[in-house]
Protein backbone atom coordinates (compact mmCIF):
# COMPACT_ATOMS: atom_id res chain seq x y z
CA MET A 1 -70.40 33.76 30.93
CA ALA A 2 -72.17 30.40 31.32
CA THR A 3 -73.73 30.86 27.89
CA ALA A 4 -70.29 31.50 26.42
CA ALA A 5 -68.85 28.38 28.00
CA ARG A 6 -71.79 26.32 26.79
CA GLY A 7 -71.46 27.78 23.29
CA GLU A 8 -67.75 27.07 23.24
CA ALA A 9 -68.35 23.51 24.40
CA GLU A 10 -70.93 23.01 21.64
CA GLU A 11 -68.55 24.37 19.01
CA ARG A 12 -65.74 22.14 20.25
CA ALA A 13 -68.04 19.14 20.10
CA LYS A 14 -68.97 20.01 16.50
CA ALA A 15 -65.32 20.45 15.55
CA THR A 16 -64.46 17.10 17.15
CA GLU A 17 -67.32 15.43 15.30
CA LEU A 18 -66.18 16.89 11.98
CA GLN A 19 -62.60 15.76 12.60
CA GLN A 20 -63.84 12.25 13.38
CA ARG A 21 -65.86 12.22 10.15
CA LEU A 22 -62.80 13.32 8.19
CA ASP A 23 -60.70 10.64 9.89
CA ARG A 24 -63.30 8.00 8.94
CA PHE A 25 -63.27 9.26 5.35
CA GLU A 26 -59.49 9.01 5.18
CA THR A 27 -59.63 5.54 6.74
CA ILE A 28 -62.10 4.34 4.12
CA TYR A 29 -60.78 6.07 1.02
CA GLY A 30 -57.19 6.77 2.05
CA ALA A 31 -55.41 10.04 2.59
CA GLU A 32 -54.61 10.24 -1.12
CA ALA A 33 -58.28 10.02 -2.20
CA ILE A 34 -58.72 13.76 -2.05
CA LYS A 35 -55.59 14.35 -4.15
CA SER A 36 -56.83 12.06 -6.91
CA ALA A 37 -60.30 13.63 -6.96
CA SER A 38 -61.49 16.19 -9.47
CA LEU A 39 -60.32 19.80 -9.47
CA GLU A 40 -63.60 20.94 -7.92
CA VAL A 41 -63.23 18.48 -5.05
CA GLN A 42 -59.63 19.56 -4.50
CA GLN A 43 -60.70 23.20 -4.41
CA LEU A 44 -63.41 22.37 -1.89
CA CYS A 45 -60.84 20.53 0.22
CA GLU A 46 -58.49 23.49 0.14
CA GLN A 47 -61.33 25.81 1.05
CA LEU A 48 -62.29 23.47 3.87
CA GLN A 49 -58.73 23.51 5.20
CA ARG A 50 -58.64 27.33 5.10
CA LYS A 51 -61.93 27.47 7.02
CA GLU A 52 -60.60 25.00 9.59
CA GLU A 53 -57.51 27.17 10.09
CA GLU A 54 -59.69 30.26 10.42
CA LEU A 55 -61.91 28.40 12.88
CA ARG A 56 -58.87 27.49 15.00
CA ARG A 57 -57.71 31.11 14.92
CA VAL A 58 -61.14 32.37 16.02
CA GLN A 59 -61.24 29.76 18.78
CA LEU A 60 -57.87 30.94 20.03
CA GLU A 61 -59.04 34.55 19.95
CA LEU A 62 -62.18 33.59 21.84
CA LYS A 63 -60.14 31.68 24.41
CA ALA A 64 -57.82 34.65 24.86
CA SER A 65 -60.79 36.97 25.24
CA LEU A 66 -62.32 34.71 27.89
CA GLU A 67 -59.02 34.53 29.74
CA VAL A 68 -58.66 38.31 29.70
CA ARG A 69 -62.21 38.68 30.90
CA ALA A 70 -61.65 36.20 33.73
CA PHE A 71 -58.40 37.92 34.67
CA CYS A 72 -60.05 41.33 34.74
CA GLN A 73 -62.91 40.06 36.85
CA GLY A 74 -60.53 38.44 39.34
CA ARG A 75 -58.15 41.32 39.95
CA GLU A 76 -58.68 44.47 41.92
CA ILE A 77 -59.87 47.60 40.19
CA SER A 78 -56.90 49.76 39.30
CA SER A 79 -56.61 53.33 40.47
CA LYS A 80 -57.48 54.49 36.96
CA TYR A 81 -60.85 52.77 37.15
CA SER A 82 -61.48 53.51 40.80
CA LYS A 83 -61.45 57.22 40.00
CA GLU A 84 -63.90 56.85 37.16
CA PRO A 85 -66.14 53.78 37.42
CA SER A 86 -67.82 54.68 34.13
CA MET A 87 -64.54 53.90 32.32
CA LEU A 88 -64.58 50.41 33.79
CA CYS A 89 -68.18 49.90 32.69
CA THR A 90 -67.34 51.14 29.21
CA GLU A 91 -64.38 48.77 28.98
CA VAL A 92 -66.46 45.81 30.16
CA GLU A 93 -69.19 46.64 27.63
CA ARG A 94 -66.59 46.92 24.86
CA MET A 95 -65.07 43.56 25.79
CA SER A 96 -68.52 41.97 25.95
CA ALA A 97 -69.38 43.28 22.50
CA LEU A 98 -66.09 41.94 21.11
CA TRP A 99 -66.70 38.57 22.68
CA GLU A 100 -70.23 38.36 21.25
CA ASN A 101 -68.89 39.26 17.82
CA LEU A 102 -66.26 36.51 18.04
CA ASP A 103 -68.90 34.05 19.16
CA LYS A 104 -71.06 34.91 16.12
CA GLN A 105 -68.07 34.53 13.81
CA LEU A 106 -67.23 31.17 15.31
CA LYS A 107 -70.77 29.87 14.82
CA SER A 108 -70.77 31.16 11.25
CA LYS A 109 -67.50 29.37 10.50
CA ILE A 110 -68.80 26.10 11.92
CA PHE A 111 -71.90 26.39 9.73
CA ASP A 112 -69.74 27.18 6.68
CA LEU A 113 -67.51 24.22 7.48
CA SER A 114 -70.49 21.88 7.69
CA SER A 115 -71.84 23.20 4.41
CA MET A 116 -68.51 22.68 2.68
CA GLU A 117 -68.24 19.17 4.05
CA GLU A 118 -71.65 18.38 2.57
CA LYS A 119 -70.51 19.74 -0.81
CA LEU A 120 -67.34 17.69 -0.58
CA ASN A 121 -69.27 14.52 0.19
CA LYS A 122 -71.66 15.20 -2.69
CA SER A 123 -68.77 15.77 -5.09
CA LEU A 124 -67.00 12.62 -3.94
CA THR A 125 -70.19 10.64 -4.44
CA GLU A 126 -70.50 12.04 -7.97
CA VAL A 127 -66.87 11.18 -8.70
CA ARG A 128 -67.34 7.62 -7.43
CA ASN A 129 -70.48 7.20 -9.55
CA LEU A 130 -68.82 8.60 -12.67
CA PRO A 131 -67.06 5.35 -13.69
CA SER A 132 -70.27 3.35 -13.24
CA LYS A 133 -72.12 5.75 -15.55
CA HIS A 134 -69.47 5.23 -18.25
CA GLU A 135 -69.70 1.46 -17.92
CA LYS A 136 -73.44 1.55 -18.63
CA CYS A 137 -72.91 3.41 -21.92
């Protein structure tokens, strides 16, 4: 449980950092900079937005899973589970496996998001350098 909380905190910190970087980009280049960029850059931006939405969805699912887990740990064992403790163990194991899977998905999405941001920055750099290349010719 502590590992999950630490992992969630790390992922939130990464998401906050990425949002701050995006805010700085928009401050420097303006919110319309992405719209005036090349088709490839626009596609990368759209893909980045989809990944961010998916990341938010996975975070919400993870939060819900953690809340359910905390609720189940805090309440008394129902009569159904008191009769057969193995059912309770099976349910806890199933929930743990689901949580671990969500955690892996979340980390994967953060990595994908970082990768796409790097591609976006590279493309924007290429677009900015394009006019200077034409001037030299």
